[in-house]
Amino acid sequence: MNIELLLSLAIIHAVALASPGPDFALVVKLASQESRNTAIASAVGISIAILIHTVLSLTGVSLVIKSSQTLYMIVQMMGASYLAWMGFGAVKGALQHWKAKVSVDGNQLKLNQLTPTQGFMRGLWTNLLNPKCMVFFIILFSAMITPDVSLMTKLVATVIMLVLSLIWFVFIALILSKPAVQTRVQKAAPAINLVTGLLFMTVSSAIIYNLLEGVMVFSETTI
């Protein structure tokens, strides 16, 4: 088992997890505005999606999808559509918050009451349908997991990716879902929704731009 390789993968993945992105924004939004169970479920959903990306990359499936213009275009369209939809909903929520006062029962913030299942699915699809995540794992494993790497090392790498993801996102969910924290950040809820929405829509726009650029290049080469 290649300990040095596993350590390198762990460090790179930890840095990537800490970088702001749709996954982080989603957990912050849900943890600060929803129930703890829903926030944790979203964190688990993201982690499962990362596990799926890891397995698909290690088995070469993701590379096949990336190599096929049609399949990769479909993935990009699905990802851009979903992220745009999530972004629009977050921005709409921010505007609604600014138009109406947030109701508070005692010290408890009135939550939107998404179910844990809904939170899980949002986390799962936010990561799984993001083509940038797929490309990240393809590049990471293509560069570091060579054909001579043992099966045991690959299995341990998969576990490391999952465990680190769970630790990071569940930690955020636990901290921000505390009632005292939720009450304190209630005034910032519209800003959180707005930033989250703009981030999702920006990522969606970038995916669409790359998609259109790829189509134009393909058209030029076939003329």
Protein backbone atom coordinates (compact mmCIF):
# COMPACT_ATOMS: atom_id res chain seq x y z
CA MET A 1 0.00 0.00 0.00
CA ASN A 2 1.42 3.38 -1.07
CA ILE A 3 1.20 5.55 2.07
CA GLU A 4 2.88 8.56 0.43
CA LEU A 5 0.37 8.53 -2.43
CA LEU A 6 -2.57 8.24 -0.03
CA LEU A 7 -1.25 11.13 2.06
CA SER A 8 -0.88 13.30 -1.05
CA LEU A 9 -4.43 12.49 -2.15
CA ALA A 10 -5.75 13.29 1.32
CA ILE A 11 -4.03 16.69 1.39
CA ILE A 12 -5.20 17.64 -2.11
CA HIS A 13 -8.76 16.55 -1.36
CA ALA A 14 -8.79 18.40 1.97
CA VAL A 15 -7.71 21.62 0.25
CA ALA A 16 -10.37 21.13 -2.43
CA LEU A 17 -13.05 20.55 0.21
CA ALA A 18 -12.14 23.77 2.03
CA SER A 19 -12.33 25.80 -1.18
CA PRO A 20 -15.61 27.76 -1.56
CA GLY A 21 -17.95 26.22 -4.08
CA PRO A 22 -21.55 25.02 -4.60
CA ASP A 23 -21.15 22.16 -2.08
CA PHE A 24 -19.90 24.45 0.67
CA ALA A 25 -22.51 27.10 -0.10
CA LEU A 26 -25.34 24.55 -0.03
CA VAL A 27 -24.34 23.14 3.37
CA VAL A 28 -23.96 26.64 4.83
CA LYS A 29 -27.38 27.64 3.51
CA LEU A 30 -29.19 24.52 4.76
CA ALA A 31 -27.34 24.35 8.08
CA SER A 32 -28.16 27.97 8.92
CA GLN A 33 -31.78 27.83 7.80
CA GLU A 34 -32.99 24.24 8.11
CA SER A 35 -33.09 21.53 10.75
CA ARG A 36 -29.89 19.81 11.84
CA ASN A 37 -31.00 16.48 10.35
CA THR A 38 -31.61 18.12 6.97
CA ALA A 39 -28.22 19.83 7.04
CA ILE A 40 -26.42 16.60 7.96
CA ALA A 41 -28.36 14.74 5.27
CA SER A 42 -27.16 17.24 2.66
CA ALA A 43 -23.59 16.72 3.87
CA VAL A 44 -24.01 12.95 3.51
CA GLY A 45 -25.51 13.43 0.04
CA ILE A 46 -22.49 15.45 -1.09
CA SER A 47 -20.13 12.84 0.37
CA ILE A 48 -21.93 9.99 -1.41
CA ALA A 49 -21.69 11.94 -4.67
CA ILE A 50 -17.94 12.35 -4.10
CA LEU A 51 -17.74 8.60 -3.48
CA ILE A 52 -19.51 7.97 -6.79
CA HIS A 53 -17.15 10.36 -8.61
CA THR A 54 -14.20 8.55 -7.04
CA VAL A 55 -15.40 5.10 -8.09
CA LEU A 56 -16.30 6.25 -11.61
CA SER A 57 -12.89 7.90 -12.02
CA LEU A 58 -10.94 4.92 -10.69
CA THR A 59 -12.84 2.53 -12.96
CA GLY A 60 -12.42 4.76 -16.02
CA VAL A 61 -16.13 5.42 -16.50
CA SER A 62 -15.77 9.18 -15.99
CA LEU A 63 -12.96 9.29 -18.53
CA VAL A 64 -15.19 7.53 -21.07
CA ILE A 65 -17.92 10.11 -20.45
CA LYS A 66 -15.45 12.96 -20.75
CA SER A 67 -14.03 11.51 -23.97
CA SER A 68 -17.48 11.26 -25.57
CA GLN A 69 -18.61 14.67 -26.76
CA THR A 70 -22.27 13.65 -26.70
CA LEU A 71 -22.22 12.11 -23.22
CA TYR A 72 -20.18 14.94 -21.74
CA MET A 73 -22.49 17.51 -23.38
CA ILE A 74 -25.48 15.81 -21.75
CA VAL A 75 -23.76 15.87 -18.36
CA GLN A 76 -22.93 19.55 -18.81
CA MET A 77 -26.48 20.43 -19.80
CA MET A 78 -27.96 18.54 -16.86
CA GLY A 79 -25.48 20.07 -14.43
CA ALA A 80 -25.93 23.62 -15.71
CA SER A 81 -29.72 23.30 -15.62
CA TYR A 82 -29.79 21.95 -12.08
CA LEU A 83 -27.36 24.52 -10.70
CA ALA A 84 -29.23 27.34 -12.45
CA TRP A 85 -32.51 26.10 -10.95
CA MET A 86 -30.96 25.94 -7.48
CA GLY A 87 -29.43 29.37 -7.94
CA PHE A 88 -32.69 30.93 -9.08
CA GLY A 89 -34.48 29.43 -6.07
CA ALA A 90 -31.88 30.81 -3.66
CA VAL A 91 -32.01 34.31 -5.16
CA LYS A 92 -35.81 34.20 -5.11
CA GLY A 93 -35.66 33.18 -1.45
CA ALA A 94 -33.38 36.12 -0.68
CA LEU A 95 -35.79 38.57 -2.29
CA GLN A 96 -38.71 37.06 -0.39
CA HIS A 97 -36.80 37.43 2.89
CA TRP A 98 -36.17 41.10 2.21
CA LYS A 99 -39.84 41.69 1.41
CA ALA A 100 -41.16 39.99 4.50
CA LYS A 101 -39.91 39.80 8.08
CA VAL A 102 -38.44 36.49 9.20
CA SER A 103 -40.70 35.08 11.92
CA VAL A 104 -39.16 33.88 15.12
CA ASP A 105 -40.83 31.77 17.81
CA GLY A 106 -39.06 32.71 21.02
CA ASN A 107 -35.41 32.04 20.26
CA GLN A 108 -36.16 29.54 17.51
CA LEU A 109 -35.87 30.64 13.91
CA LYS A 110 -38.78 29.50 11.79
CA LEU A 111 -37.21 27.09 9.33
CA ASN A 112 -38.27 26.22 5.80
CA GLN A 113 -38.64 22.62 6.92
CA LEU A 114 -37.03 20.70 4.09
CA THR A 115 -37.05 17.02 4.94
CA PRO A 116 -33.77 15.13 5.46
CA THR A 117 -34.51 13.22 2.25
CA GLN A 118 -34.80 16.49 0.33
CA GLY A 119 -31.60 17.73 1.93
CA PHE A 120 -29.81 14.52 0.96
CA MET A 121 -30.97 14.71 -2.64
CA ARG A 122 -29.97 18.36 -2.95
CA GLY A 123 -26.51 17.55 -1.68
CA LEU A 124 -26.21 14.51 -3.93
CA TRP A 125 -27.28 16.22 -7.15
CA THR A 126 -25.42 19.46 -6.46
CA ASN A 127 -22.13 17.59 -6.46
CA LEU A 128 -22.93 14.73 -8.81
CA LEU A 129 -24.29 16.95 -11.62
CA ASN A 130 -21.43 19.43 -11.43
CA PRO A 131 -19.18 18.60 -14.42
CA LYS A 132 -16.32 20.50 -12.78
CA CYS A 133 -16.30 17.90 -9.98
CA MET A 134 -16.09 15.08 -12.49
CA VAL A 135 -13.21 16.75 -14.32
CA PHE A 136 -11.40 17.39 -11.01
CA PHE A 137 -11.47 13.70 -10.09
CA ILE A 138 -10.48 12.60 -13.60
CA ILE A 139 -7.44 14.88 -13.53
CA LEU A 140 -6.56 13.97 -9.94
CA PHE A 141 -6.67 10.21 -10.39
CA SER A 142 -5.25 10.22 -13.90
CA ALA A 143 -2.18 12.03 -12.59
CA MET A 144 -1.74 10.12 -9.35
CA ILE A 145 -3.27 6.66 -9.76
CA THR A 146 -1.02 4.91 -12.25
CA PRO A 147 -1.68 1.37 -13.58
CA ASP A 148 0.84 -0.10 -11.15
CA VAL A 149 -1.06 1.16 -8.08
CA SER A 150 -2.43 -1.78 -6.10
CA LEU A 151 -6.12 -2.50 -5.62
CA MET A 152 -5.71 -2.07 -1.86
CA THR A 153 -4.31 1.44 -2.34
CA LYS A 154 -7.26 2.32 -4.60
CA LEU A 155 -9.75 1.00 -2.04
CA VAL A 156 -8.11 2.93 0.79
CA ALA A 157 -8.03 6.07 -1.39
CA THR A 158 -11.77 5.69 -1.97
CA VAL A 159 -12.42 5.39 1.77
CA ILE A 160 -10.21 8.42 2.49
CA MET A 161 -12.15 10.55 -0.01
CA LEU A 162 -15.46 9.55 1.56
CA VAL A 163 -14.35 9.96 5.18
CA LEU A 164 -12.72 13.36 4.66
CA SER A 165 -15.82 14.60 2.85
CA LEU A 166 -18.10 13.40 5.64
CA ILE A 167 -15.92 14.92 8.36
CA TRP A 168 -15.74 18.33 6.68
CA PHE A 169 -19.34 18.79 5.57
CA VAL A 170 -20.93 17.18 8.64
CA PHE A 171 -18.73 19.41 10.83
CA ILE A 172 -20.06 22.51 9.04
CA ALA A 173 -23.62 21.20 9.33
CA LEU A 174 -23.28 20.54 13.05
CA ILE A 175 -21.75 23.93 13.85
CA LEU A 176 -24.13 26.09 11.83
CA SER A 177 -27.27 24.14 12.71
CA LYS A 178 -27.03 24.97 16.40
CA PRO A 179 -30.18 26.92 17.41
CA ALA A 180 -28.10 29.71 18.92
CA VAL A 181 -26.08 30.08 15.72
CA GLN A 182 -29.18 29.96 13.53
CA THR A 183 -30.80 32.70 15.59
CA ARG A 184 -27.72 34.90 15.30
CA VAL A 185 -27.45 34.53 11.55
CA GLN A 186 -31.17 35.01 10.83
CA LYS A 187 -30.55 38.59 9.72
CA ALA A 188 -27.88 37.35 7.32
CA ALA A 189 -30.19 34.71 5.80
CA PRO A 190 -31.10 36.86 2.77
CA ALA A 191 -27.42 37.60 2.11
CA ILE A 192 -26.54 33.90 2.45
CA ASN A 193 -29.29 32.98 -0.01
CA LEU A 194 -28.23 35.71 -2.42
CA VAL A 195 -24.55 34.74 -2.36
CA THR A 196 -25.45 31.05 -2.69
CA GLY A 197 -27.78 31.76 -5.59
CA LEU A 198 -25.27 33.93 -7.42
CA LEU A 199 -22.55 31.31 -6.91
CA PHE A 200 -24.74 28.54 -8.32
CA MET A 201 -25.77 30.71 -11.28
CA THR A 202 -22.15 31.72 -11.92
CA VAL A 203 -21.02 28.09 -12.00
CA SER A 204 -23.97 27.27 -14.26
CA SER A 205 -23.03 30.11 -16.61
CA ALA A 206 -19.41 28.93 -16.72
CA ILE A 207 -20.55 25.41 -17.62
CA ILE A 208 -22.81 26.74 -20.38
CA TYR A 209 -19.99 28.94 -21.70
CA ASN A 210 -17.59 25.97 -21.83
CA LEU A 211 -20.31 23.89 -23.49
CA LEU A 212 -20.95 26.48 -26.20
CA GLU A 213 -17.22 26.99 -26.71
CA GLY A 214 -16.78 23.25 -27.19
CA VAL A 215 -19.65 23.12 -29.69
CA MET A 216 -18.14 26.00 -31.69
CA VAL A 217 -14.71 24.35 -31.78
CA PHE A 218 -16.27 21.07 -32.89
CA SER A 219 -18.26 22.86 -35.62
CA GLU A 220 -15.13 24.58 -36.92
CA THR A 221 -13.19 21.31 -37.10
CA THR A 222 -15.95 19.56 -39.02
CA ILE A 223 -16.40 22.27 -41.63
